[in-house]
Protein backbone atom coordinates (compact mmCIF):
# COMPACT_ATOMS: atom_id res chain seq x y z
CA MET A 1 19.84 17.79 -56.07
CA LYS A 2 19.39 15.91 -52.77
CA ALA A 3 17.47 18.89 -51.35
CA ASN A 4 14.92 18.77 -54.20
CA PHE A 5 14.48 15.02 -53.73
CA PHE A 6 14.02 15.46 -50.00
CA LEU A 7 11.44 18.25 -50.45
CA GLY A 8 9.56 16.13 -52.98
CA MET A 9 9.42 13.20 -50.57
CA VAL A 10 8.18 15.45 -47.75
CA ALA A 11 5.45 16.88 -49.98
CA LEU A 12 4.38 13.39 -51.04
CA ALA A 13 4.30 12.20 -47.43
CA LEU A 14 1.99 15.09 -46.56
CA LEU A 15 -0.35 14.59 -49.53
CA ILE A 16 -1.01 10.86 -49.20
CA PRO A 17 -2.90 11.03 -45.86
CA ALA A 18 -4.92 14.05 -47.04
CA ALA A 19 -5.97 12.23 -50.23
CA ALA A 20 -6.92 9.11 -48.29
CA GLU A 21 -9.09 11.12 -45.90
CA ALA A 22 -10.85 12.94 -48.75
CA GLN A 23 -11.58 9.64 -50.45
CA GLN A 24 -13.15 8.24 -47.27
CA ARG A 25 -15.45 11.26 -46.93
CA ALA A 26 -16.65 11.14 -50.56
CA PRO A 27 -19.59 8.90 -51.41
CA GLN A 28 -18.27 5.68 -52.91
CA ASN A 29 -21.04 5.13 -55.45
CA PRO A 30 -23.12 8.27 -55.92
CA PRO A 31 -26.40 7.63 -57.73
CA SER A 32 -26.54 8.71 -61.36
CA ASP A 33 -29.84 10.49 -60.72
CA LEU A 34 -28.85 12.51 -57.64
CA TRP A 35 -29.57 15.91 -59.26
CA CYS A 36 -32.72 16.89 -61.17
CA ARG A 37 -33.97 19.78 -63.26
CA ASP A 38 -37.40 20.69 -64.60
CA GLN A 39 -37.33 21.15 -68.36
CA PRO A 40 -40.19 23.17 -69.87
CA ILE A 41 -42.33 21.45 -72.50
CA ALA A 42 -45.47 22.52 -74.38
CA HIS A 43 -48.13 24.78 -72.85
CA GLY A 44 -46.20 25.76 -69.70
CA SER A 45 -45.77 22.21 -68.43
CA THR A 46 -42.46 20.81 -67.26
CA VAL A 47 -40.88 17.39 -67.13
CA GLN A 48 -38.52 16.31 -64.35
CA ILE A 49 -35.15 15.11 -65.65
CA CYS A 50 -32.88 13.38 -63.13
CA MET A 51 -29.69 12.30 -64.88
CA ALA A 52 -26.72 13.94 -63.14
CA PHE A 53 -24.15 12.74 -60.59
CA THR A 54 -23.21 16.27 -59.54
CA TYR A 55 -24.76 19.73 -59.35
CA GLU A 56 -22.23 20.95 -61.91
CA GLN A 57 -23.25 18.25 -64.40
CA CYS A 58 -26.89 19.15 -63.91
CA MET A 59 -26.24 22.85 -64.47
CA ALA A 60 -24.24 22.08 -67.62
CA SER A 61 -27.09 19.98 -69.04
CA ARG A 62 -29.74 22.70 -68.82
CA ALA A 63 -31.56 23.56 -72.04
CA SER A 64 -32.02 27.19 -70.94
CA ARG A 65 -30.65 29.51 -68.31
CA THR A 66 -34.03 29.65 -66.56
CA GLU A 67 -33.85 25.99 -65.52
CA SER A 68 -32.49 25.27 -62.06
CA CYS A 69 -31.12 22.10 -60.48
CA TYR A 70 -32.16 20.52 -57.19
CA LEU A 71 -31.56 17.33 -55.24
CA ASN A 72 -33.67 14.42 -56.39
CA PRO A 73 -36.55 14.13 -53.87
CA ARG A 74 -35.77 10.41 -53.67
CA TYR A 75 -32.43 11.21 -51.96
CA ASP A 76 -33.22 14.57 -50.33
CA PRO A 77 -33.68 13.96 -46.57
CA ARG A 78 -36.39 16.66 -46.41
CA TYR A 79 -38.71 14.41 -48.42
CA ARG A 80 -37.94 11.05 -46.79
CA ARG A 81 -40.69 9.18 -45.04
CA ASN A 82 -39.61 7.17 -42.01
């Protein structure tokens, strides 16, 4: 019984610093429009929809499998003007 308690405390002591470090690396307030997709509309045109925190959310919101997700140009460093 004491051995299980001791192993549990050791595991907890190892996990707390790892969780704290991961939290510091993650963005604190990611924008709600970080990821975009182009949704087809009439006559071959598309409309840009930027309403996802994560790539996974963007991919899940696609209307068809042909749509792809990309970083919002507003936040993508390749499109920033200095």
